C-alpha atoms as a PDB file:
ATOM      1  CA  MET A   1     -79.538-126.898  46.443  1.00  0.00           C
ATOM      2  CA  GLY A   2     -79.591-130.680  46.606  1.00  0.00           C
ATOM      3  CA  PHE A   3     -78.766-133.301  44.024  1.00  0.00           C
ATOM      4  CA  TYR A   4     -81.453-134.661  41.758  1.00  0.00           C
ATOM      5  CA  TYR A   5     -81.783-137.415  39.198  1.00  0.00           C
ATOM      6  CA  ARG A   6     -84.234-137.723  36.328  1.00  0.00           C
ATOM      7  CA  LYS A   7     -84.299-140.101  33.391  1.00  0.00           C
ATOM      8  CA  SER A   8     -86.995-140.147  30.715  1.00  0.00           C
ATOM      9  CA  VAL A   9     -87.929-142.683  28.080  1.00  0.00           C
ATOM     10  CA  ASN A  10     -89.938-141.602  25.037  1.00  0.00           C
ATOM     11  CA  LEU A  11     -92.480-144.018  23.590  1.00  0.00           C
ATOM     12  CA  GLY A  12     -93.951-142.041  20.701  1.00  0.00           C
ATOM     13  CA  PRO A  13     -96.049-139.225  22.155  1.00  0.00           C
ATOM     14  CA  PHE A  14     -95.800-140.806  25.628  1.00  0.00           C
ATOM     15  CA  ARG A  15     -92.942-140.093  28.025  1.00  0.00           C
ATOM     16  CA  VAL A  16     -92.155-142.041  31.187  1.00  0.00           C
ATOM     17  CA  ASN A  17     -90.051-140.142  33.732  1.00  0.00           C
ATOM     18  CA  LEU A  18     -88.037-141.907  36.418  1.00  0.00           C
ATOM     19  CA  SER A  19     -86.816-139.759  39.281  1.00  0.00           C
ATOM     20  CA  LYS A  20     -85.780-140.102  42.894  1.00  0.00           C
ATOM     21  CA  SER A  21     -89.428-139.449  43.823  1.00  0.00           C
ATOM     22  CA  GLY A  22     -90.808-142.262  41.661  1.00  0.00           C
ATOM     23  CA  LEU A  23     -92.426-142.757  38.275  1.00  0.00           C
ATOM     24  CA  GLY A  24     -94.253-140.009  36.375  1.00  0.00           C
ATOM     25  CA  TYR A  25     -95.729-139.937  32.904  1.00  0.00           C
ATOM     26  CA  SER A  26     -96.868-137.454  30.285  1.00  0.00           C
ATOM     27  CA  VAL A  27     -98.289-137.285  26.791  1.00  0.00           C
ATOM     28  CA  GLY A  28     -97.851-134.690  24.065  1.00  0.00           C
ATOM     29  CA  GLY A  29     -95.394-133.448  21.515  1.00  0.00           C
ATOM     30  CA  ARG A  30     -92.969-130.617  21.000  1.00  0.00           C
ATOM     31  CA  GLY A  31     -94.399-127.496  22.550  1.00  0.00           C
ATOM     32  CA  PHE A  32     -97.272-129.039  24.475  1.00  0.00           C
ATOM     33  CA  ARG A  33     -97.412-131.755  27.123  1.00  0.00           C
ATOM     34  CA  VAL A  34     -99.859-132.884  29.827  1.00  0.00           C
ATOM     35  CA  GLY A  35     -98.795-135.213  32.597  1.00  0.00           C
ATOM     36  CA  THR A  36     -98.606-136.410  36.158  1.00  0.00           C
ATOM     37  CA  THR A  37     -95.533-136.077  38.356  1.00  0.00           C
ATOM     38  CA  ALA A  38     -94.114-138.903  40.427  1.00  0.00           C
ATOM     39  CA  ARG A  39     -95.932-137.425  43.431  1.00  0.00           C
ATOM     40  CA  GLY A  40     -99.297-137.422  41.648  1.00  0.00           C
ATOM     41  CA  LYS A  41     -99.597-133.713  40.761  1.00  0.00           C
ATOM     42  CA  LYS A  42    -101.181-132.988  37.387  1.00  0.00           C
ATOM     43  CA  TYR A  43     -99.567-130.426  35.100  1.00  0.00           C
ATOM     44  CA  THR A  44     -99.831-128.837  31.671  1.00  0.00           C
ATOM     45  CA  ASN A  45     -96.736-127.563  29.914  1.00  0.00           C
ATOM     46  CA  PHE A  46     -96.657-125.246  26.905  1.00  0.00           C
ATOM     47  CA  SER A  47     -93.413-124.031  25.311  1.00  0.00           C
ATOM     48  CA  ILE A  48     -91.996-122.482  22.167  1.00  0.00           C
ATOM     49  CA  PRO A  49     -89.655-125.174  20.767  1.00  0.00           C
ATOM     50  CA  GLY A  50     -86.032-124.164  20.392  1.00  0.00           C
ATOM     51  CA  THR A  51     -86.304-121.028  22.532  1.00  0.00           C
ATOM     52  CA  GLY A  52     -86.232-122.289  26.104  1.00  0.00           C
ATOM     53  CA  VAL A  53     -89.359-120.214  26.799  1.00  0.00           C
ATOM     54  CA  GLY A  54     -92.356-121.980  28.245  1.00  0.00           C
ATOM     55  CA  TYR A  55     -95.144-122.039  30.789  1.00  0.00           C
ATOM     56  CA  ARG A  56     -96.075-124.809  33.220  1.00  0.00           C
ATOM     57  CA  LYS A  57     -99.330-124.877  35.182  1.00  0.00           C
ATOM     58  CA  SER A  58     -99.935-127.367  37.998  1.00  0.00           C
ATOM     59  CA  GLY A  59    -103.155-128.259  39.751  1.00  0.00           C
ATOM     60  CA  ALA A  60    -106.831-127.955  38.872  1.00  0.00           C
ATOM     61  CA  GLY A  61    -106.425-124.882  36.642  1.00  0.00           C
ATOM     62  CA  CYS A  62    -104.333-126.813  34.149  1.00  0.00           C
ATOM     63  CA  LEU A  63    -107.498-128.260  32.555  1.00  0.00           C
ATOM     64  CA  VAL A  64    -108.699-124.798  31.532  1.00  0.00           C
ATOM     65  CA  PHE A  65    -105.315-124.147  29.966  1.00  0.00           C
ATOM     66  CA  LEU A  66    -105.496-127.548  28.258  1.00  0.00           C
ATOM     67  CA  ALA A  67    -108.771-126.580  26.550  1.00  0.00           C
ATOM     68  CA  ALA A  68    -107.361-123.282  25.221  1.00  0.00           C
ATOM     69  CA  VAL A  69    -104.010-124.455  23.853  1.00  0.00           C
ATOM     70  CA  PRO A  70    -105.190-126.610  20.888  1.00  0.00           C
ATOM     71  CA  VAL A  71    -106.982-123.560  19.469  1.00  0.00           C
ATOM     72  CA  GLY A  72    -103.777-121.526  19.740  1.00  0.00           C
ATOM     73  CA  ILE A  73    -101.697-124.287  18.147  1.00  0.00           C
ATOM     74  CA  ALA A  74    -104.140-124.631  15.242  1.00  0.00           C
ATOM     75  CA  ALA A  75    -104.070-120.867  14.655  1.00  0.00           C
ATOM     76  CA  THR A  76    -100.255-120.837  14.690  1.00  0.00           C
ATOM     77  CA  GLN A  77    -100.066-123.701  12.197  1.00  0.00           C
ATOM     78  CA  LEU A  78    -102.548-121.934   9.936  1.00  0.00           C
ATOM     79  CA  LEU A  79    -100.441-118.774   9.987  1.00  0.00           C
ATOM     80  CA  LEU A  80     -97.222-120.690   9.275  1.00  0.00           C
ATOM     81  CA  THR A  81     -98.703-122.509   6.262  1.00  0.00           C
ATOM     82  CA  SER A  82    -100.144-119.314   4.727  1.00  0.00           C
END
């Protein structure tokens, strides 16, 4: 396994990632993020904050996942506030 370097800067909901490959960016909050890698690949990331458990989808299918996640997040928030 080779060495790697990654540094990120948070600007509100936006994150700029600097790596050996270049500059990437993403937008989102805790548990959900959509972005582009330094090499131009699109991705969607969904995780359960504080657990280390998550799911990352790259490529064209990430848009379908993107459409489904806000519904799941809204349902979770509704259950937590009840």
